[in-house]
Amino acid sequence: MIGMPSSSATKHRPWRCMFCIDAVSPHVPGPKLINMFHSGRTPLVPVERLAELDYRLVIIPSDLQRAAIRALQRTLQEIALTGDSGRIADELASFGEREAIVRTARYLALDIHTESTQ
């Protein structure tokens, strides 16, 4: 999907954003991408409407980044106050979840393989 046309709102005409999303679609052949997030310039459009307009990929990186920032701030605040994150442990992913997500076992296996070939 590299090269997929994208649509984003203009900074100086936010009231025209939805019009732009609707207007662009018929003139751009093929699947389209939209970068959409809460409090951004592009209005939040229901995925059903986006599908009707042939927007096949919605990216929302800002929301994920901002959620991660708040979680990091909350955890750091607790560590600064108490010296550890024990009181908010139920808000954190388990150590096992973390290991699975970052695929620690796979990387350790690669390291073992590298050492055995040297």
N, C-alpha and C. Protein backbone atom coordinates (compact mmCIF):
# COMPACT_ATOMS: atom_id res chain seq x y z
N MET A 1 0.80 -1.19 0.00
CA MET A 1 0.00 0.00 0.00
C MET A 1 0.85 1.26 0.00
N ILE A 2 2.13 1.11 -0.24
CA ILE A 2 2.98 2.29 -0.34
C ILE A 2 2.51 3.11 -1.53
N GLY A 3 2.47 4.39 -1.37
CA GLY A 3 2.03 5.25 -2.44
C GLY A 3 0.53 5.48 -2.45
N MET A 4 -0.17 4.92 -1.45
CA MET A 4 -1.61 5.13 -1.37
C MET A 4 -1.89 6.60 -1.10
N PRO A 5 -2.75 7.22 -1.88
CA PRO A 5 -3.06 8.63 -1.64
C PRO A 5 -3.64 8.83 -0.25
N SER A 6 -3.32 9.94 0.37
CA SER A 6 -3.87 10.23 1.69
C SER A 6 -4.62 11.54 1.67
N SER A 7 -5.47 11.70 2.66
CA SER A 7 -6.26 12.91 2.78
C SER A 7 -6.06 13.46 4.17
N SER A 8 -5.74 14.74 4.27
CA SER A 8 -5.71 15.38 5.58
C SER A 8 -6.27 16.78 5.41
N ALA A 9 -6.72 17.31 6.51
CA ALA A 9 -7.40 18.60 6.47
C ALA A 9 -6.41 19.74 6.36
N THR A 10 -6.91 20.85 5.90
CA THR A 10 -6.06 22.04 5.83
C THR A 10 -6.13 22.80 7.13
N LYS A 11 -5.01 23.37 7.53
CA LYS A 11 -4.92 24.09 8.80
C LYS A 11 -5.84 25.30 8.84
N HIS A 12 -5.96 26.01 7.74
CA HIS A 12 -6.68 27.28 7.73
C HIS A 12 -8.16 27.16 7.38
N ARG A 13 -8.62 25.98 7.01
CA ARG A 13 -10.03 25.81 6.65
C ARG A 13 -10.61 24.54 7.26
N PRO A 14 -10.56 24.39 8.59
CA PRO A 14 -11.04 23.14 9.19
C PRO A 14 -12.51 22.86 8.90
N TRP A 15 -13.32 23.88 8.66
CA TRP A 15 -14.73 23.68 8.36
C TRP A 15 -14.94 22.96 7.05
N ARG A 16 -13.92 22.95 6.19
CA ARG A 16 -14.04 22.29 4.88
C ARG A 16 -13.52 20.86 4.90
N CYS A 17 -13.06 20.40 6.05
CA CYS A 17 -12.42 19.09 6.13
C CYS A 17 -13.29 17.95 5.61
N MET A 18 -14.51 17.87 6.13
CA MET A 18 -15.38 16.77 5.70
C MET A 18 -15.70 16.89 4.23
N PHE A 19 -15.89 18.11 3.78
CA PHE A 19 -16.12 18.31 2.35
C PHE A 19 -14.93 17.78 1.55
N CYS A 20 -13.72 18.07 2.00
CA CYS A 20 -12.52 17.61 1.29
C CYS A 20 -12.45 16.09 1.24
N ILE A 21 -12.76 15.46 2.35
CA ILE A 21 -12.71 13.99 2.40
C ILE A 21 -13.72 13.42 1.41
N ASP A 22 -14.93 13.95 1.42
CA ASP A 22 -15.96 13.49 0.47
C ASP A 22 -15.59 13.82 -0.96
N ALA A 23 -15.07 15.03 -1.19
CA ALA A 23 -14.79 15.50 -2.55
C ALA A 23 -13.60 14.79 -3.19
N VAL A 24 -12.62 14.45 -2.41
CA VAL A 24 -11.40 13.83 -2.95
C VAL A 24 -11.68 12.42 -3.44
N SER A 25 -12.46 11.69 -2.71
CA SER A 25 -12.64 10.27 -2.98
C SER A 25 -12.98 9.91 -4.42
N PRO A 26 -13.98 10.54 -5.05
CA PRO A 26 -14.33 10.12 -6.41
C PRO A 26 -13.24 10.43 -7.45
N HIS A 27 -12.32 11.33 -7.11
CA HIS A 27 -11.31 11.76 -8.08
C HIS A 27 -9.96 11.06 -7.90
N VAL A 28 -9.88 10.24 -6.88
CA VAL A 28 -8.63 9.51 -6.64
C VAL A 28 -8.96 8.02 -6.73
N PRO A 29 -8.50 7.38 -7.80
CA PRO A 29 -8.82 5.96 -7.96
C PRO A 29 -8.09 5.09 -6.94
N GLY A 30 -8.70 3.99 -6.61
CA GLY A 30 -8.06 3.01 -5.74
C GLY A 30 -8.26 3.30 -4.27
N PRO A 31 -7.68 2.43 -3.45
CA PRO A 31 -7.83 2.58 -2.00
C PRO A 31 -7.11 3.83 -1.51
N LYS A 32 -7.64 4.39 -0.44
CA LYS A 32 -7.07 5.62 0.12
C LYS A 32 -6.75 5.43 1.60
N LEU A 33 -5.86 6.27 2.11
CA LEU A 33 -5.44 6.27 3.50
C LEU A 33 -5.86 7.60 4.13
N ILE A 34 -6.24 7.55 5.41
CA ILE A 34 -6.56 8.78 6.12
C ILE A 34 -5.89 8.73 7.50
N ASN A 35 -5.31 9.85 7.88
CA ASN A 35 -4.69 10.01 9.20
C ASN A 35 -5.69 10.80 10.03
N MET A 36 -6.28 10.16 11.01
CA MET A 36 -7.39 10.77 11.73
C MET A 36 -7.20 10.52 13.23
N PHE A 37 -7.35 11.58 14.03
CA PHE A 37 -7.24 11.41 15.47
C PHE A 37 -8.00 12.49 16.20
N HIS A 38 -8.37 12.20 17.43
CA HIS A 38 -9.11 13.15 18.25
C HIS A 38 -8.31 14.43 18.42
N SER A 39 -8.94 15.54 18.23
CA SER A 39 -8.39 16.90 18.33
C SER A 39 -7.44 17.25 17.19
N GLY A 40 -7.44 16.45 16.15
CA GLY A 40 -6.63 16.77 14.98
C GLY A 40 -7.41 17.64 14.01
N ARG A 41 -6.79 17.98 12.90
CA ARG A 41 -7.43 18.83 11.89
C ARG A 41 -8.47 18.07 11.07
N THR A 42 -8.26 16.78 10.91
CA THR A 42 -9.21 15.97 10.15
C THR A 42 -10.36 15.58 11.08
N PRO A 43 -11.59 15.76 10.65
CA PRO A 43 -12.70 15.38 11.52
C PRO A 43 -12.75 13.87 11.72
N LEU A 44 -13.32 13.46 12.85
CA LEU A 44 -13.51 12.04 13.09
C LEU A 44 -14.69 11.58 12.24
N VAL A 45 -14.40 10.67 11.34
CA VAL A 45 -15.41 10.18 10.40
C VAL A 45 -15.66 8.72 10.72
N PRO A 46 -16.91 8.30 10.84
CA PRO A 46 -17.19 6.88 11.11
C PRO A 46 -16.55 5.98 10.07
N VAL A 47 -16.02 4.85 10.52
CA VAL A 47 -15.33 3.94 9.60
C VAL A 47 -16.26 3.45 8.49
N GLU A 48 -17.55 3.35 8.79
CA GLU A 48 -18.50 2.93 7.76
C GLU A 48 -18.52 3.95 6.61
N ARG A 49 -18.49 5.23 6.95
CA ARG A 49 -18.48 6.27 5.91
C ARG A 49 -17.16 6.25 5.14
N LEU A 50 -16.08 6.07 5.86
CA LEU A 50 -14.77 5.99 5.19
C LEU A 50 -14.74 4.81 4.21
N ALA A 51 -15.31 3.69 4.61
CA ALA A 51 -15.35 2.52 3.72
C ALA A 51 -16.15 2.83 2.46
N GLU A 52 -17.25 3.56 2.62
CA GLU A 52 -18.05 3.96 1.45
C GLU A 52 -17.24 4.82 0.49
N LEU A 53 -16.32 5.60 1.03
CA LEU A 53 -15.49 6.50 0.22
C LEU A 53 -14.19 5.83 -0.25
N ASP A 54 -14.03 4.55 0.04
CA ASP A 54 -12.87 3.74 -0.36
C ASP A 54 -11.59 4.10 0.41
N TYR A 55 -11.76 4.64 1.61
CA TYR A 55 -10.61 4.79 2.51
C TYR A 55 -10.44 3.45 3.18
N ARG A 56 -9.36 2.76 2.86
CA ARG A 56 -9.17 1.40 3.35
C ARG A 56 -8.24 1.31 4.54
N LEU A 57 -7.50 2.38 4.77
CA LEU A 57 -6.55 2.35 5.88
C LEU A 57 -6.70 3.64 6.68
N VAL A 58 -6.96 3.49 7.96
CA VAL A 58 -7.03 4.63 8.87
C VAL A 58 -5.86 4.49 9.82
N ILE A 59 -5.02 5.52 9.89
CA ILE A 59 -3.93 5.49 10.85
C ILE A 59 -4.23 6.50 11.95
N ILE A 60 -3.92 6.11 13.17
CA ILE A 60 -4.22 6.95 14.33
C ILE A 60 -3.01 6.94 15.27
N PRO A 61 -1.84 7.27 14.76
CA PRO A 61 -0.64 7.18 15.61
C PRO A 61 -0.62 8.17 16.76
N SER A 62 -1.18 9.34 16.57
CA SER A 62 -1.12 10.35 17.62
C SER A 62 -1.86 9.90 18.88
N ASP A 63 -3.03 9.28 18.73
CA ASP A 63 -3.77 8.82 19.90
C ASP A 63 -2.96 7.80 20.69
N LEU A 64 -2.32 6.89 19.98
CA LEU A 64 -1.51 5.87 20.66
C LEU A 64 -0.31 6.49 21.36
N GLN A 65 0.34 7.42 20.69
CA GLN A 65 1.48 8.10 21.31
C GLN A 65 1.05 8.87 22.55
N ARG A 66 -0.07 9.60 22.44
CA ARG A 66 -0.53 10.41 23.57
C ARG A 66 -0.98 9.54 24.73
N ALA A 67 -1.58 8.38 24.44
CA ALA A 67 -1.96 7.45 25.51
C ALA A 67 -0.71 6.90 26.20
N ALA A 68 0.30 6.55 25.41
CA ALA A 68 1.54 6.04 25.98
C ALA A 68 2.24 7.10 26.83
N ILE A 69 2.22 8.34 26.37
CA ILE A 69 2.83 9.43 27.14
C ILE A 69 2.16 9.55 28.50
N ARG A 70 0.83 9.54 28.55
CA ARG A 70 0.12 9.64 29.83
C ARG A 70 0.46 8.47 30.74
N ALA A 71 0.52 7.27 30.18
CA ALA A 71 0.86 6.10 30.99
C ALA A 71 2.28 6.20 31.53
N LEU A 72 3.20 6.67 30.71
CA LEU A 72 4.58 6.86 31.16
C LEU A 72 4.64 7.92 32.26
N GLN A 73 3.93 9.02 32.07
CA GLN A 73 3.93 10.08 33.08
C GLN A 73 3.35 9.57 34.40
N ARG A 74 2.26 8.81 34.32
CA ARG A 74 1.62 8.27 35.53
C ARG A 74 2.59 7.34 36.26
N THR A 75 3.26 6.48 35.54
CA THR A 75 4.19 5.54 36.15
C THR A 75 5.39 6.26 36.74
N LEU A 76 5.94 7.20 36.01
CA LEU A 76 7.08 7.97 36.52
C LEU A 76 6.70 8.79 37.76
N GLN A 77 5.50 9.33 37.76
CA GLN A 77 5.03 10.08 38.92
C GLN A 77 4.97 9.16 40.15
N GLU A 78 4.45 7.97 39.98
CA GLU A 78 4.37 7.02 41.09
C GLU A 78 5.76 6.62 41.58
N ILE A 79 6.67 6.40 40.66
CA ILE A 79 8.04 6.04 41.05
C ILE A 79 8.69 7.20 41.80
N ALA A 80 8.46 8.42 41.34
CA ALA A 80 9.03 9.59 42.02
C ALA A 80 8.45 9.74 43.43
N LEU A 81 7.16 9.45 43.58
CA LEU A 81 6.51 9.60 44.89
C LEU A 81 6.86 8.50 45.89
N THR A 82 6.90 7.27 45.40
CA THR A 82 7.03 6.13 46.32
C THR A 82 8.32 5.33 46.16
N GLY A 83 9.03 5.54 45.06
CA GLY A 83 10.25 4.78 44.83
C GLY A 83 10.06 3.55 43.98
N ASP A 84 8.81 3.18 43.68
CA ASP A 84 8.55 2.03 42.80
C ASP A 84 7.14 2.14 42.22
N SER A 85 6.76 1.18 41.40
CA SER A 85 5.44 1.22 40.76
C SER A 85 4.46 0.22 41.36
N GLY A 86 4.77 -0.28 42.53
CA GLY A 86 3.93 -1.31 43.15
C GLY A 86 2.47 -0.95 43.30
N ARG A 87 2.17 0.28 43.68
CA ARG A 87 0.77 0.67 43.90
C ARG A 87 -0.05 0.73 42.62
N ILE A 88 0.60 0.81 41.48
CA ILE A 88 -0.15 0.87 40.20
C ILE A 88 0.14 -0.36 39.34
N ALA A 89 0.64 -1.42 39.97
CA ALA A 89 1.00 -2.63 39.22
C ALA A 89 -0.16 -3.18 38.39
N ASP A 90 -1.39 -3.04 38.90
CA ASP A 90 -2.55 -3.55 38.16
C ASP A 90 -2.85 -2.74 36.90
N GLU A 91 -2.25 -1.57 36.76
CA GLU A 91 -2.42 -0.75 35.56
C GLU A 91 -1.38 -1.08 34.49
N LEU A 92 -0.39 -1.87 34.85
CA LEU A 92 0.70 -2.19 33.94
C LEU A 92 0.47 -3.55 33.28
N ALA A 93 1.05 -3.72 32.11
CA ALA A 93 1.07 -5.05 31.49
C ALA A 93 1.91 -5.95 32.39
N SER A 94 1.58 -7.22 32.43
CA SER A 94 2.38 -8.14 33.24
C SER A 94 3.76 -8.30 32.60
N PHE A 95 4.70 -8.81 33.38
CA PHE A 95 6.04 -9.04 32.83
C PHE A 95 5.97 -10.06 31.69
N GLY A 96 5.12 -11.08 31.85
CA GLY A 96 4.97 -12.08 30.79
C GLY A 96 4.43 -11.47 29.50
N GLU A 97 3.44 -10.57 29.64
CA GLU A 97 2.91 -9.88 28.46
C GLU A 97 4.00 -9.06 27.78
N ARG A 98 4.78 -8.37 28.58
CA ARG A 98 5.88 -7.56 28.03
C ARG A 98 6.88 -8.43 27.28
N GLU A 99 7.25 -9.56 27.89
CA GLU A 99 8.20 -10.47 27.25
C GLU A 99 7.66 -10.99 25.91
N ALA A 100 6.38 -11.31 25.88
CA ALA A 100 5.78 -11.81 24.64
C ALA A 100 5.72 -10.73 23.57
N ILE A 101 5.33 -9.52 23.96
CA ILE A 101 5.19 -8.43 22.99
C ILE A 101 6.53 -8.05 22.38
N VAL A 102 7.58 -7.97 23.18
CA VAL A 102 8.89 -7.59 22.64
C VAL A 102 9.67 -8.80 22.12
N ARG A 103 9.08 -9.98 22.25
CA ARG A 103 9.65 -11.23 21.71
C ARG A 103 11.05 -11.49 22.24
N THR A 104 11.20 -11.40 23.53
CA THR A 104 12.50 -11.60 24.16
C THR A 104 13.08 -12.96 23.83
N ALA A 105 12.29 -14.02 23.92
CA ALA A 105 12.79 -15.37 23.67
C ALA A 105 13.38 -15.50 22.27
N ARG A 106 12.74 -14.87 21.30
CA ARG A 106 13.25 -14.92 19.92
C ARG A 106 14.62 -14.27 19.82
N TYR A 107 14.76 -13.11 20.46
CA TYR A 107 16.05 -12.40 20.40
C TYR A 107 17.14 -13.14 21.16
N LEU A 108 16.78 -13.75 22.27
CA LEU A 108 17.77 -14.55 23.00
C LEU A 108 18.21 -15.75 22.17
N ALA A 109 17.27 -16.35 21.45
CA ALA A 109 17.60 -17.48 20.58
C ALA A 109 18.53 -17.04 19.46
N LEU A 110 18.32 -15.86 18.91
CA LEU A 110 19.21 -15.33 17.87
C LEU A 110 20.61 -15.12 18.42
N ASP A 111 20.70 -14.62 19.64
CA ASP A 111 21.99 -14.39 20.28
C ASP A 111 22.73 -15.71 20.48
N ILE A 112 22.03 -16.74 20.93
CA ILE A 112 22.64 -18.06 21.12
C ILE A 112 23.15 -18.60 19.80
N HIS A 113 22.35 -18.44 18.74
CA HIS A 113 22.75 -18.90 17.43
C HIS A 113 24.00 -18.13 16.95
N THR A 114 24.05 -16.85 17.19
CA THR A 114 25.20 -16.03 16.78
C THR A 114 26.45 -16.47 17.52
N GLU A 115 26.34 -16.71 18.81
CA GLU A 115 27.50 -17.13 19.61
C GLU A 115 28.03 -18.49 19.15
N SER A 116 27.13 -19.39 18.77
CA SER A 116 27.55 -20.74 18.38
C SER A 116 28.22 -20.76 17.02
N THR A 117 28.03 -19.74 16.19
CA THR A 117 28.63 -19.73 14.87
C THR A 117 29.95 -18.96 14.85
N GLN A 118 30.35 -18.39 15.97
CA GLN A 118 31.61 -17.63 15.99
C GLN A 118 32.77 -18.48 16.43
